[in-house]
Amino acid sequence: MARGVEGVQRGAGAVRRLGEPRPAEVRAGPDGRPLWVDGERVEGIVETWLLEDRWWTDSPLRRRMWEVVTVRGRAIVVHRDLVDGRWWRSR
């Protein structure tokens, strides 16, 4: 079994750290705004913000964060990694 950050086990049956983002399937509009998240239509945007950190390292962190509400009333936080372009879901 592989070990990740801080010795946490990874793989089948492993415990995931709280708050660790998971890959998300997001369809976005031309302006980058999420329209669909994991098959659910986005009803509204609560807020968006830019997160930049570790710019002085070899692994900079640049994310466009979005808090959205789906048509089912679910509040979801997703972000697009501005370094590799992938989408992630926080909750």
C-alpha atoms as a PDB file:
ATOM      1  CA  MET A   1       0.000   0.000   0.000  1.00  0.00           C
ATOM      2  CA  ALA A   2       1.388   3.374  -1.017  1.00  0.00           C
ATOM      3  CA  ARG A   3       1.733   6.181   1.487  1.00  0.00           C
ATOM      4  CA  GLY A   4       0.895   9.789   0.685  1.00  0.00           C
ATOM      5  CA  VAL A   5       1.306  13.038   2.539  1.00  0.00           C
ATOM      6  CA  GLU A   6       2.009  12.630   6.270  1.00  0.00           C
ATOM      7  CA  GLY A   7       2.123   8.826   5.932  1.00  0.00           C
ATOM      8  CA  VAL A   8      -1.598   8.470   5.176  1.00  0.00           C
ATOM      9  CA  GLN A   9      -2.275   5.185   3.373  1.00  0.00           C
ATOM     10  CA  ARG A  10      -3.613   5.378  -0.183  1.00  0.00           C
ATOM     11  CA  GLY A  11      -5.511   2.711  -2.120  1.00  0.00           C
ATOM     12  CA  ALA A  12      -8.463   0.383  -1.511  1.00  0.00           C
ATOM     13  CA  GLY A  13      -9.810   0.737   2.005  1.00  0.00           C
ATOM     14  CA  ALA A  14      -7.595   3.727   2.752  1.00  0.00           C
ATOM     15  CA  VAL A  15      -8.873   6.709   4.671  1.00  0.00           C
ATOM     16  CA  ARG A  16      -9.070   9.977   2.724  1.00  0.00           C
ATOM     17  CA  ARG A  17      -8.029  13.198   4.451  1.00  0.00           C
ATOM     18  CA  LEU A  18     -10.954  15.483   5.236  1.00  0.00           C
ATOM     19  CA  GLY A  19     -11.350  18.318   2.764  1.00  0.00           C
ATOM     20  CA  GLU A  20      -9.210  16.638   0.115  1.00  0.00           C
ATOM     21  CA  PRO A  21     -10.625  17.575  -3.318  1.00  0.00           C
ATOM     22  CA  ARG A  22     -11.910  14.900  -5.689  1.00  0.00           C
ATOM     23  CA  PRO A  23     -11.910  15.049  -9.493  1.00  0.00           C
ATOM     24  CA  ALA A  24     -15.096  16.597 -10.895  1.00  0.00           C
ATOM     25  CA  GLU A  25     -16.747  16.534 -14.291  1.00  0.00           C
ATOM     26  CA  VAL A  26     -17.581  20.168 -15.038  1.00  0.00           C
ATOM     27  CA  ARG A  27     -19.028  21.733 -18.153  1.00  0.00           C
ATOM     28  CA  ALA A  28     -18.244  25.445 -18.173  1.00  0.00           C
ATOM     29  CA  GLY A  29     -19.388  28.370 -20.286  1.00  0.00           C
ATOM     30  CA  PRO A  30     -17.071  30.471 -22.459  1.00  0.00           C
ATOM     31  CA  ASP A  31     -16.387  32.732 -19.459  1.00  0.00           C
ATOM     32  CA  GLY A  32     -15.245  29.743 -17.346  1.00  0.00           C
ATOM     33  CA  ARG A  33     -18.379  29.727 -15.162  1.00  0.00           C
ATOM     34  CA  PRO A  34     -19.507  26.179 -14.259  1.00  0.00           C
ATOM     35  CA  LEU A  35     -22.829  25.279 -15.913  1.00  0.00           C
ATOM     36  CA  TRP A  36     -22.957  21.592 -14.923  1.00  0.00           C
ATOM     37  CA  VAL A  37     -21.150  19.764 -12.105  1.00  0.00           C
ATOM     38  CA  ASP A  38     -21.092  15.954 -12.075  1.00  0.00           C
ATOM     39  CA  GLY A  39     -24.287  15.783 -14.133  1.00  0.00           C
ATOM     40  CA  GLU A  40     -26.210  18.408 -12.137  1.00  0.00           C
ATOM     41  CA  ARG A  41     -27.166  21.734 -13.690  1.00  0.00           C
ATOM     42  CA  VAL A  42     -25.890  24.780 -11.829  1.00  0.00           C
ATOM     43  CA  GLU A  43     -28.759  27.071 -10.797  1.00  0.00           C
ATOM     44  CA  GLY A  44     -26.648  29.914  -9.410  1.00  0.00           C
ATOM     45  CA  ILE A  45     -23.231  31.145  -8.371  1.00  0.00           C
ATOM     46  CA  VAL A  46     -22.816  32.153  -4.729  1.00  0.00           C
ATOM     47  CA  GLU A  47     -19.289  33.488  -5.167  1.00  0.00           C
ATOM     48  CA  THR A  48     -16.010  33.024  -6.997  1.00  0.00           C
ATOM     49  CA  TRP A  49     -12.461  33.808  -5.946  1.00  0.00           C
ATOM     50  CA  LEU A  50      -8.875  33.283  -7.052  1.00  0.00           C
ATOM     51  CA  LEU A  51      -6.518  31.318  -4.827  1.00  0.00           C
ATOM     52  CA  GLU A  52      -2.772  31.694  -5.426  1.00  0.00           C
ATOM     53  CA  ASP A  53      -0.167  30.228  -3.108  1.00  0.00           C
ATOM     54  CA  ARG A  54       3.293  28.650  -3.167  1.00  0.00           C
ATOM     55  CA  TRP A  55       4.274  30.837  -6.124  1.00  0.00           C
ATOM     56  CA  TRP A  56       7.842  30.801  -4.866  1.00  0.00           C
ATOM     57  CA  THR A  57       8.120  26.978  -5.107  1.00  0.00           C
ATOM     58  CA  ASP A  58       8.368  24.433  -7.930  1.00  0.00           C
ATOM     59  CA  SER A  59       4.715  23.508  -7.233  1.00  0.00           C
ATOM     60  CA  PRO A  60       2.681  26.729  -7.370  1.00  0.00           C
ATOM     61  CA  LEU A  61      -0.999  26.627  -6.473  1.00  0.00           C
ATOM     62  CA  ARG A  62      -3.355  28.619  -8.738  1.00  0.00           C
ATOM     63  CA  ARG A  63      -7.084  27.873  -8.543  1.00  0.00           C
ATOM     64  CA  ARG A  64     -10.267  29.614  -9.652  1.00  0.00           C
ATOM     65  CA  MET A  65     -12.753  28.671  -6.942  1.00  0.00           C
ATOM     66  CA  TRP A  66     -16.545  28.619  -7.411  1.00  0.00           C
ATOM     67  CA  GLU A  67     -19.288  28.085  -4.841  1.00  0.00           C
ATOM     68  CA  VAL A  68     -22.368  27.023  -6.802  1.00  0.00           C
ATOM     69  CA  VAL A  69     -25.913  25.890  -6.062  1.00  0.00           C
ATOM     70  CA  THR A  70     -27.394  23.119  -8.194  1.00  0.00           C
ATOM     71  CA  VAL A  71     -31.012  22.773  -9.314  1.00  0.00           C
ATOM     72  CA  ARG A  72     -31.514  20.315  -6.431  1.00  0.00           C
ATOM     73  CA  GLY A  73     -30.430  23.020  -3.964  1.00  0.00           C
ATOM     74  CA  ARG A  74     -27.047  21.492  -3.201  1.00  0.00           C
ATOM     75  CA  ALA A  75     -24.180  23.860  -2.351  1.00  0.00           C
ATOM     76  CA  ILE A  76     -20.987  22.676  -4.026  1.00  0.00           C
ATOM     77  CA  VAL A  77     -17.487  24.155  -4.104  1.00  0.00           C
ATOM     78  CA  VAL A  78     -15.518  23.355  -7.254  1.00  0.00           C
ATOM     79  CA  HIS A  79     -12.282  24.738  -8.573  1.00  0.00           C
ATOM     80  CA  ARG A  80     -10.332  24.715 -11.786  1.00  0.00           C
ATOM     81  CA  ASP A  81      -6.621  24.178 -11.375  1.00  0.00           C
ATOM     82  CA  LEU A  82      -5.133  26.992 -13.459  1.00  0.00           C
ATOM     83  CA  VAL A  83      -1.810  25.149 -13.745  1.00  0.00           C
ATOM     84  CA  ASP A  84      -3.091  21.905 -15.348  1.00  0.00           C
ATOM     85  CA  GLY A  85      -6.688  22.882 -16.286  1.00  0.00           C
ATOM     86  CA  ARG A  86      -8.412  20.050 -14.368  1.00  0.00           C
ATOM     87  CA  TRP A  87     -11.601  20.509 -12.319  1.00  0.00           C
ATOM     88  CA  TRP A  88     -11.955  19.404  -8.689  1.00  0.00           C
ATOM     89  CA  ARG A  89     -14.822  19.217  -6.200  1.00  0.00           C
ATOM     90  CA  SER A  90     -14.385  20.085  -2.517  1.00  0.00           C
ATOM     91  CA  ARG A  91     -17.886  19.358  -1.181  1.00  0.00           C
END
